[in-house]
Full PDB file with SEQRES, HELIX, SHEET, SSBOND, CRYST1, ORIGX, SCALE, CONECT and MASTER records, all heavy atoms in Angstrom:
SEQRES   1 A   31  GLU ILE ASP PRO ASP THR PHE HIS ALA ALA LEU SER LEU          
SEQRES   2 A   31  ALA ARG THR HIS ILE GLU THR LEU GLY TYR ILE GLN PHE          
SEQRES   3 A   31  GLN THR ASN ALA PRO                                          
HELIX    1 AA1 PRO A    4  LEU A   21  1                                  18    
CRYST1    1.000    1.000    1.000  90.00  90.00  90.00 P 1           1          
ORIGX1      1.000000  0.000000  0.000000        0.00000                         
ORIGX2      0.000000  1.000000  0.000000        0.00000                         
ORIGX3      0.000000  0.000000  1.000000        0.00000                         
SCALE1      1.000000  0.000000  0.000000        0.00000                         
SCALE2      0.000000  1.000000  0.000000        0.00000                         
SCALE3      0.000000  0.000000  1.000000        0.00000                         
ATOM      1  N   GLU A   1     103.385  94.038  77.242  1.00  0.00           N  
ATOM      2  CA  GLU A   1     102.204  94.914  77.034  1.00  0.00           C  
ATOM      3  C   GLU A   1     101.856  95.329  78.365  1.00  0.00           C  
ATOM      4  O   GLU A   1     101.771  94.501  79.309  1.00  0.00           O  
ATOM      5  CB  GLU A   1     101.187  94.291  76.166  1.00  0.00           C  
ATOM      6  CG  GLU A   1      99.875  95.211  75.980  1.00  0.00           C  
ATOM      7  CD  GLU A   1      98.863  94.546  75.168  1.00  0.00           C  
ATOM      8  OE1 GLU A   1      98.329  93.497  75.572  1.00  0.00           O  
ATOM      9  OE2 GLU A   1      98.527  95.078  74.153  1.00  0.00           O  
ATOM     10  N   ILE A   2     101.473  96.593  78.620  1.00  0.00           N  
ATOM     11  CA  ILE A   2     101.163  97.092  79.919  1.00  0.00           C  
ATOM     12  C   ILE A   2      99.618  97.320  80.027  1.00  0.00           C  
ATOM     13  O   ILE A   2      99.013  97.994  79.202  1.00  0.00           O  
ATOM     14  CB  ILE A   2     101.890  98.413  80.214  1.00  0.00           C  
ATOM     15  CG1 ILE A   2     103.367  98.078  80.415  1.00  0.00           C  
ATOM     16  CG2 ILE A   2     101.238  99.114  81.446  1.00  0.00           C  
ATOM     17  CD1 ILE A   2     104.211  99.303  80.680  1.00  0.00           C  
ATOM     18  N   ASP A   3      99.079  96.879  81.179  1.00  0.00           N  
ATOM     19  CA  ASP A   3      97.669  97.261  81.643  1.00  0.00           C  
ATOM     20  C   ASP A   3      97.927  98.385  82.644  1.00  0.00           C  
ATOM     21  O   ASP A   3      98.482  98.087  83.742  1.00  0.00           O  
ATOM     22  CB  ASP A   3      96.975  96.124  82.247  1.00  0.00           C  
ATOM     23  CG  ASP A   3      95.701  96.520  82.868  1.00  0.00           C  
ATOM     24  OD1 ASP A   3      94.729  96.712  82.074  1.00  0.00           O  
ATOM     25  OD2 ASP A   3      95.644  96.702  84.089  1.00  0.00           O  
ATOM     26  N   PRO A   4      97.599  99.607  82.352  1.00  0.00           N  
ATOM     27  CA  PRO A   4      98.032 100.753  83.190  1.00  0.00           C  
ATOM     28  C   PRO A   4      97.692 100.662  84.613  1.00  0.00           C  
ATOM     29  O   PRO A   4      98.523 100.893  85.542  1.00  0.00           O  
ATOM     30  CB  PRO A   4      97.407 101.953  82.510  1.00  0.00           C  
ATOM     31  CG  PRO A   4      97.284 101.511  81.060  1.00  0.00           C  
ATOM     32  CD  PRO A   4      96.914 100.043  81.185  1.00  0.00           C  
ATOM     33  N   ASP A   5      96.336 100.302  85.001  1.00  0.00           N  
ATOM     34  CA  ASP A   5      95.966 100.352  86.285  1.00  0.00           C  
ATOM     35  C   ASP A   5      96.693  99.231  87.169  1.00  0.00           C  
ATOM     36  O   ASP A   5      97.128  99.541  88.246  1.00  0.00           O  
ATOM     37  CB  ASP A   5      94.424 100.116  86.428  1.00  0.00           C  
ATOM     38  CG  ASP A   5      93.695 101.298  85.954  1.00  0.00           C  
ATOM     39  OD1 ASP A   5      94.240 102.404  85.918  1.00  0.00           O  
ATOM     40  OD2 ASP A   5      92.545 101.090  85.548  1.00  0.00           O  
ATOM     41  N   THR A   6      96.767  98.064  86.706  1.00  0.00           N  
ATOM     42  CA  THR A   6      97.381  96.929  87.427  1.00  0.00           C  
ATOM     43  C   THR A   6      98.822  97.231  87.555  1.00  0.00           C  
ATOM     44  O   THR A   6      99.562  96.956  88.587  1.00  0.00           O  
ATOM     45  CB  THR A   6      97.154  95.632  86.630  1.00  0.00           C  
ATOM     46  OG1 THR A   6      95.674  95.372  86.553  1.00  0.00           O  
ATOM     47  CG2 THR A   6      97.726  94.440  87.537  1.00  0.00           C  
ATOM     48  N   PHE A   7      99.495  97.689  86.368  1.00  0.00           N  
ATOM     49  CA  PHE A   7     100.990  97.978  86.402  1.00  0.00           C  
ATOM     50  C   PHE A   7     101.266  99.114  87.528  1.00  0.00           C  
ATOM     51  O   PHE A   7     102.294  98.998  88.154  1.00  0.00           O  
ATOM     52  CB  PHE A   7     101.475  98.422  85.034  1.00  0.00           C  
ATOM     53  CG  PHE A   7     102.890  98.595  84.888  1.00  0.00           C  
ATOM     54  CD1 PHE A   7     103.733  97.513  85.063  1.00  0.00           C  
ATOM     55  CD2 PHE A   7     103.433  99.794  84.593  1.00  0.00           C  
ATOM     56  CE1 PHE A   7     105.111  97.737  84.872  1.00  0.00           C  
ATOM     57  CE2 PHE A   7     104.755 100.063  84.410  1.00  0.00           C  
ATOM     58  CZ  PHE A   7     105.669  98.875  84.630  1.00  0.00           C  
ATOM     59  N   HIS A   8     100.424 100.045  87.649  1.00  0.00           N  
ATOM     60  CA  HIS A   8     100.670 101.149  88.656  1.00  0.00           C  
ATOM     61  C   HIS A   8     100.603 100.585  89.963  1.00  0.00           C  
ATOM     62  O   HIS A   8     101.377 100.918  90.863  1.00  0.00           O  
ATOM     63  CB  HIS A   8      99.629 102.291  88.442  1.00  0.00           C  
ATOM     64  CG  HIS A   8      99.801 103.436  89.359  1.00  0.00           C  
ATOM     65  ND1 HIS A   8      99.302 103.526  90.587  1.00  0.00           N  
ATOM     66  CD2 HIS A   8     100.517 104.553  89.143  1.00  0.00           C  
ATOM     67  CE1 HIS A   8      99.593 104.606  91.096  1.00  0.00           C  
ATOM     68  NE2 HIS A   8     100.326 105.337  90.290  1.00  0.00           N  
ATOM     69  N   ALA A   9      99.663  99.640  90.287  1.00  0.00           N  
ATOM     70  CA  ALA A   9      99.528  99.020  91.561  1.00  0.00           C  
ATOM     71  C   ALA A   9     100.767  98.121  91.858  1.00  0.00           C  
ATOM     72  O   ALA A   9     101.268  98.149  92.960  1.00  0.00           O  
ATOM     73  CB  ALA A   9      98.302  98.192  91.698  1.00  0.00           C  
ATOM     74  N   ALA A  10     101.222  97.414  90.869  1.00  0.00           N  
ATOM     75  CA  ALA A  10     102.364  96.548  90.970  1.00  0.00           C  
ATOM     76  C   ALA A  10     103.595  97.421  91.232  1.00  0.00           C  
ATOM     77  O   ALA A  10     104.461  96.990  92.105  1.00  0.00           O  
ATOM     78  CB  ALA A  10     102.529  95.698  89.743  1.00  0.00           C  
ATOM     79  N   LEU A  11     103.768  98.529  90.552  1.00  0.00           N  
ATOM     80  CA  LEU A  11     104.871  99.396  90.835  1.00  0.00           C  
ATOM     81  C   LEU A  11     104.957  99.888  92.185  1.00  0.00           C  
ATOM     82  O   LEU A  11     106.004 100.028  92.843  1.00  0.00           O  
ATOM     83  CB  LEU A  11     104.951 100.539  89.844  1.00  0.00           C  
ATOM     84  CG  LEU A  11     105.407 100.336  88.419  1.00  0.00           C  
ATOM     85  CD1 LEU A  11     105.134 101.676  87.560  1.00  0.00           C  
ATOM     86  CD2 LEU A  11     106.794  99.902  88.439  1.00  0.00           C  
ATOM     87  N   SER A  12     103.795 100.295  92.827  1.00  0.00           N  
ATOM     88  CA  SER A  12     103.624 100.748  94.185  1.00  0.00           C  
ATOM     89  C   SER A  12     104.266  99.687  95.127  1.00  0.00           C  
ATOM     90  O   SER A  12     105.004  99.987  96.101  1.00  0.00           O  
ATOM     91  CB  SER A  12     102.290 101.076  94.527  1.00  0.00           C  
ATOM     92  OG  SER A  12     101.799 102.146  93.744  1.00  0.00           O  
ATOM     93  N   LEU A  13     103.828  98.346  94.991  1.00  0.00           N  
ATOM     94  CA  LEU A  13     104.388  97.336  95.712  1.00  0.00           C  
ATOM     95  C   LEU A  13     105.934  97.109  95.605  1.00  0.00           C  
ATOM     96  O   LEU A  13     106.547  97.042  96.537  1.00  0.00           O  
ATOM     97  CB  LEU A  13     103.595  96.027  95.377  1.00  0.00           C  
ATOM     98  CG  LEU A  13     102.357  95.680  95.934  1.00  0.00           C  
ATOM     99  CD1 LEU A  13     101.744  94.411  95.376  1.00  0.00           C  
ATOM    100  CD2 LEU A  13     102.436  95.497  97.471  1.00  0.00           C  
ATOM    101  N   ALA A  14     106.280  97.156  94.416  1.00  0.00           N  
ATOM    102  CA  ALA A  14     107.798  96.926  94.122  1.00  0.00           C  
ATOM    103  C   ALA A  14     108.532  98.025  94.733  1.00  0.00           C  
ATOM    104  O   ALA A  14     109.579  97.767  95.365  1.00  0.00           O  
ATOM    105  CB  ALA A  14     107.928  96.850  92.674  1.00  0.00           C  
ATOM    106  N   ARG A  15     108.178  99.247  94.636  1.00  0.00           N  
ATOM    107  CA  ARG A  15     109.005 100.307  95.125  1.00  0.00           C  
ATOM    108  C   ARG A  15     109.010 100.360  96.670  1.00  0.00           C  
ATOM    109  O   ARG A  15     110.064 100.708  97.231  1.00  0.00           O  
ATOM    110  CB  ARG A  15     108.387 101.647  94.664  1.00  0.00           C  
ATOM    111  CG  ARG A  15     108.775 102.070  93.275  1.00  0.00           C  
ATOM    112  CD  ARG A  15     107.927 103.206  92.776  1.00  0.00           C  
ATOM    113  NE  ARG A  15     108.638 103.944  91.667  1.00  0.00           N  
ATOM    114  CZ  ARG A  15     108.000 104.670  90.755  1.00  0.00           C  
ATOM    115  NH1 ARG A  15     106.666 104.771  90.728  1.00  0.00           N  
ATOM    116  NH2 ARG A  15     108.700 105.199  89.799  1.00  0.00           N  
ATOM    117  N   THR A  16     108.061  99.888  97.225  1.00  0.00           N  
ATOM    118  CA  THR A  16     107.963  99.786  98.739  1.00  0.00           C  
ATOM    119  C   THR A  16     108.899  98.752  99.300  1.00  0.00           C  
ATOM    120  O   THR A  16     109.563  98.875 100.384  1.00  0.00           O  
ATOM    121  CB  THR A  16     106.511  99.413  99.208  1.00  0.00           C  
ATOM    122  OG1 THR A  16     105.699 100.439  98.753  1.00  0.00           O  
ATOM    123  CG2 THR A  16     106.516  99.374 100.718  1.00  0.00           C  
ATOM    124  N   HIS A  17     109.121  97.629  98.547  1.00  0.00           N  
ATOM    125  CA  HIS A  17     109.837  96.499  99.071  1.00  0.00           C  
ATOM    126  C   HIS A  17     111.034  96.212  98.304  1.00  0.00           C  
ATOM    127  O   HIS A  17     111.834  95.282  98.753  1.00  0.00           O  
ATOM    128  CB  HIS A  17     108.897  95.250  99.018  1.00  0.00           C  
ATOM    129  CG  HIS A  17     107.714  95.341  99.897  1.00  0.00           C  
ATOM    130  ND1 HIS A  17     107.787  95.112 101.243  1.00  0.00           N  
ATOM    131  CD2 HIS A  17     106.431  95.670  99.640  1.00  0.00           C  
ATOM    132  CE1 HIS A  17     106.576  95.258 101.764  1.00  0.00           C  
ATOM    133  NE2 HIS A  17     105.759  95.680 100.822  1.00  0.00           N  
ATOM    134  N   ILE A  18     111.558  96.927  97.351  1.00  0.00           N  
ATOM    135  CA  ILE A  18     112.659  96.528  96.609  1.00  0.00           C  
ATOM    136  C   ILE A  18     113.982  96.660  97.359  1.00  0.00           C  
ATOM    137  O   ILE A  18     114.843  95.693  97.154  1.00  0.00           O  
ATOM    138  CB  ILE A  18     112.833  97.420  95.287  1.00  0.00           C  
ATOM    139  CG1 ILE A  18     113.956  96.757  94.310  1.00  0.00           C  
ATOM    140  CG2 ILE A  18     113.022  98.820  95.606  1.00  0.00           C  
ATOM    141  CD1 ILE A  18     113.732  95.379  93.876  1.00  0.00           C  
ATOM    142  N   GLU A  19     114.092  97.545  98.296  1.00  0.00           N  
ATOM    143  CA  GLU A  19     115.333  97.625  99.016  1.00  0.00           C  
ATOM    144  C   GLU A  19     115.604  96.384  99.885  1.00  0.00           C  
ATOM    145  O   GLU A  19     116.697  95.912 100.070  1.00  0.00           O  
ATOM    146  CB  GLU A  19     115.392  98.924  99.822  1.00  0.00           C  
ATOM    147  CG  GLU A  19     116.712  99.093 100.561  1.00  0.00           C  
ATOM    148  CD  GLU A  19     116.709 100.416 101.400  1.00  0.00           C  
ATOM    149  OE1 GLU A  19     115.825 101.216 101.253  1.00  0.00           O  
ATOM    150  OE2 GLU A  19     117.705 100.596 102.093  1.00  0.00           O  
ATOM    151  N   THR A  20     114.519  95.861 100.450  1.00  0.00           N  
ATOM    152  CA  THR A  20     114.631  94.703 101.299  1.00  0.00           C  
ATOM    153  C   THR A  20     114.747  93.367 100.520  1.00  0.00           C  
ATOM    154  O   THR A  20     115.491  92.582 100.801  1.00  0.00           O  
ATOM    155  CB  THR A  20     113.361  94.585 102.148  1.00  0.00           C  
ATOM    156  OG1 THR A  20     113.239  95.761 103.038  1.00  0.00           O  
ATOM    157  CG2 THR A  20     113.401  93.343 103.085  1.00  0.00           C  
ATOM    158  N   LEU A  21     113.875  93.309  99.428  1.00  0.00           N  
ATOM    159  CA  LEU A  21     113.840  92.098  98.704  1.00  0.00           C  
ATOM    160  C   LEU A  21     114.906  91.877  97.580  1.00  0.00           C  
ATOM    161  O   LEU A  21     115.328  90.798  97.347  1.00  0.00           O  
ATOM    162  CB  LEU A  21     112.416  91.884  98.044  1.00  0.00           C  
ATOM    163  CG  LEU A  21     111.329  91.767  99.012  1.00  0.00           C  
ATOM    164  CD1 LEU A  21     110.009  91.670  98.291  1.00  0.00           C  
ATOM    165  CD2 LEU A  21     111.416  90.413  99.890  1.00  0.00           C  
ATOM    166  N   GLY A  22     115.353  93.023  96.958  1.00  0.00           N  
ATOM    167  CA  GLY A  22     116.508  92.941  96.077  1.00  0.00           C  
ATOM    168  C   GLY A  22     116.085  92.686  94.681  1.00  0.00           C  
ATOM    169  O   GLY A  22     116.564  93.374  93.720  1.00  0.00           O  
ATOM    170  N   TYR A  23     115.138  91.691  94.333  1.00  0.00           N  
ATOM    171  CA  TYR A  23     114.878  91.293  93.084  1.00  0.00           C  
ATOM    172  C   TYR A  23     113.347  91.018  93.035  1.00  0.00           C  
ATOM    173  O   TYR A  23     112.921  90.020  93.768  1.00  0.00           O  
ATOM    174  CB  TYR A  23     115.745  90.124  92.552  1.00  0.00           C  
ATOM    175  CG  TYR A  23     115.690  89.964  91.080  1.00  0.00           C  
ATOM    176  CD1 TYR A  23     116.746  90.213  90.283  1.00  0.00           C  
ATOM    177  CD2 TYR A  23     114.580  89.288  90.466  1.00  0.00           C  
ATOM    178  CE1 TYR A  23     116.762  90.094  88.840  1.00  0.00           C  
ATOM    179  CE2 TYR A  23     114.551  89.039  89.059  1.00  0.00           C  
ATOM    180  CZ  TYR A  23     115.675  89.550  88.272  1.00  0.00           C  
ATOM    181  OH  TYR A  23     115.588  89.335  86.907  1.00  0.00           O  
ATOM    182  N   ILE A  24     112.653  91.612  92.256  1.00  0.00           N  
ATOM    183  CA  ILE A  24     111.117  91.365  92.160  1.00  0.00           C  
ATOM    184  C   ILE A  24     110.711  91.196  90.787  1.00  0.00           C  
ATOM    185  O   ILE A  24     110.884  92.111  89.895  1.00  0.00           O  
ATOM    186  CB  ILE A  24     110.289  92.638  92.754  1.00  0.00           C  
ATOM    187  CG1 ILE A  24     110.717  92.800  94.279  1.00  0.00           C  
ATOM    188  CG2 ILE A  24     108.768  92.318  92.703  1.00  0.00           C  
ATOM    189  CD1 ILE A  24     110.113  93.980  94.933  1.00  0.00           C  
ATOM    190  N   GLN A  25     110.154  90.046  90.333  1.00  0.00           N  
ATOM    191  CA  GLN A  25     109.756  89.754  89.004  1.00  0.00           C  
ATOM    192  C   GLN A  25     108.362  90.353  88.877  1.00  0.00           C  
ATOM    193  O   GLN A  25     107.468  90.077  89.724  1.00  0.00           O  
ATOM    194  CB  GLN A  25     109.806  88.259  88.799  1.00  0.00           C  
ATOM    195  CG  GLN A  25     111.094  87.621  88.848  1.00  0.00           C  
ATOM    196  CD  GLN A  25     111.013  86.085  88.750  1.00  0.00           C  
ATOM    197  OE1 GLN A  25     110.030  85.581  89.206  1.00  0.00           O  
ATOM    198  NE2 GLN A  25     111.986  85.506  88.143  1.00  0.00           N  
ATOM    199  N   PHE A  26     108.089  90.978  87.711  1.00  0.00           N  
ATOM    200  CA  PHE A  26     106.730  91.361  87.292  1.00  0.00           C  
ATOM    201  C   PHE A  26     106.328  90.150  86.368  1.00  0.00           C  
ATOM    202  O   PHE A  26     106.574  90.188  85.165  1.00  0.00           O  
ATOM    203  CB  PHE A  26     106.782  92.642  86.627  1.00  0.00           C  
ATOM    204  CG  PHE A  26     106.932  93.755  87.497  1.00  0.00           C  
ATOM    205  CD1 PHE A  26     108.031  93.966  88.238  1.00  0.00           C  
ATOM    206  CD2 PHE A  26     105.930  94.757  87.538  1.00  0.00           C  
ATOM    207  CE1 PHE A  26     108.079  95.169  89.066  1.00  0.00           C  
ATOM    208  CE2 PHE A  26     106.070  95.915  88.371  1.00  0.00           C  
ATOM    209  CZ  PHE A  26     107.185  96.059  89.190  1.00  0.00           C  
ATOM    210  N   GLN A  27     105.567  89.192  87.029  1.00  0.00           N  
ATOM    211  CA  GLN A  27     105.347  87.937  86.219  1.00  0.00           C  
ATOM    212  C   GLN A  27     104.153  87.963  85.362  1.00  0.00           C  
ATOM    213  O   GLN A  27     103.216  88.750  85.637  1.00  0.00           O  
ATOM    214  CB  GLN A  27     105.313  86.785  87.259  1.00  0.00           C  
ATOM    215  CG  GLN A  27     106.552  86.029  87.614  1.00  0.00           C  
ATOM    216  CD  GLN A  27     107.074  85.238  86.391  1.00  0.00           C  
ATOM    217  OE1 GLN A  27     106.500  85.186  85.362  1.00  0.00           O  
ATOM    218  NE2 GLN A  27     108.204  84.637  86.573  1.00  0.00           N  
ATOM    219  N   THR A  28     104.208  87.217  84.308  1.00  0.00           N  
ATOM    220  CA  THR A  28     103.016  87.106  83.428  1.00  0.00           C  
ATOM    221  C   THR A  28     102.301  85.789  83.717  1.00  0.00           C  
ATOM    222  O   THR A  28     101.215  85.555  83.243  1.00  0.00           O  
ATOM    223  CB  THR A  28     103.563  87.038  81.913  1.00  0.00           C  
ATOM    224  OG1 THR A  28     104.487  86.070  81.770  1.00  0.00           O  
ATOM    225  CG2 THR A  28     104.222  88.376  81.564  1.00  0.00           C  
ATOM    226  N   ASN A  29     102.874  84.927  84.590  1.00  0.00           N  
ATOM    227  CA  ASN A  29     102.191  83.666  84.985  1.00  0.00           C  
ATOM    228  C   ASN A  29     102.157  83.644  86.469  1.00  0.00           C  
ATOM    229  O   ASN A  29     102.884  84.173  87.269  1.00  0.00           O  
ATOM    230  CB  ASN A  29     103.079  82.489  84.562  1.00  0.00           C  
ATOM    231  CG  ASN A  29     103.248  82.344  83.047  1.00  0.00           C  
ATOM    232  OD1 ASN A  29     102.304  82.584  82.331  1.00  0.00           O  
ATOM    233  ND2 ASN A  29     104.358  82.086  82.626  1.00  0.00           N  
ATOM    234  N   ALA A  30     100.949  83.110  86.953  1.00  0.00           N  
ATOM    235  CA  ALA A  30     100.750  82.968  88.426  1.00  0.00           C  
ATOM    236  C   ALA A  30     101.782  82.077  89.084  1.00  0.00           C  
ATOM    237  O   ALA A  30     102.291  81.187  88.413  1.00  0.00           O  
ATOM    238  CB  ALA A  30      99.440  82.378  88.631  1.00  0.00           C  
ATOM    239  N   PRO A  31     102.149  82.295  90.320  1.00  0.00           N  
ATOM    240  CA  PRO A  31     103.149  81.435  91.065  1.00  0.00           C  
ATOM    241  C   PRO A  31     102.648  79.986  91.223  1.00  0.00           C  
ATOM    242  O   PRO A  31     101.464  79.835  91.287  1.00  0.00           O  
ATOM    243  CB  PRO A  31     103.299  82.110  92.430  1.00  0.00           C  
ATOM    244  CG  PRO A  31     101.989  82.843  92.577  1.00  0.00           C  
ATOM    245  CD  PRO A  31     101.562  83.323  91.239  1.00  0.00           C  
TER     246      PRO A  31                                                      
MASTER        0    0    0    1    0    0    0    6  245    1    0    3          
END                                                                             
């Protein structure tokens, strides 16, 4: 299930760093 505002912010982070990091989990639990 998506929370639109938070998901949009998470996508911005992922798109910025995916080429360098390779694999980014959108986690449902805190690290």
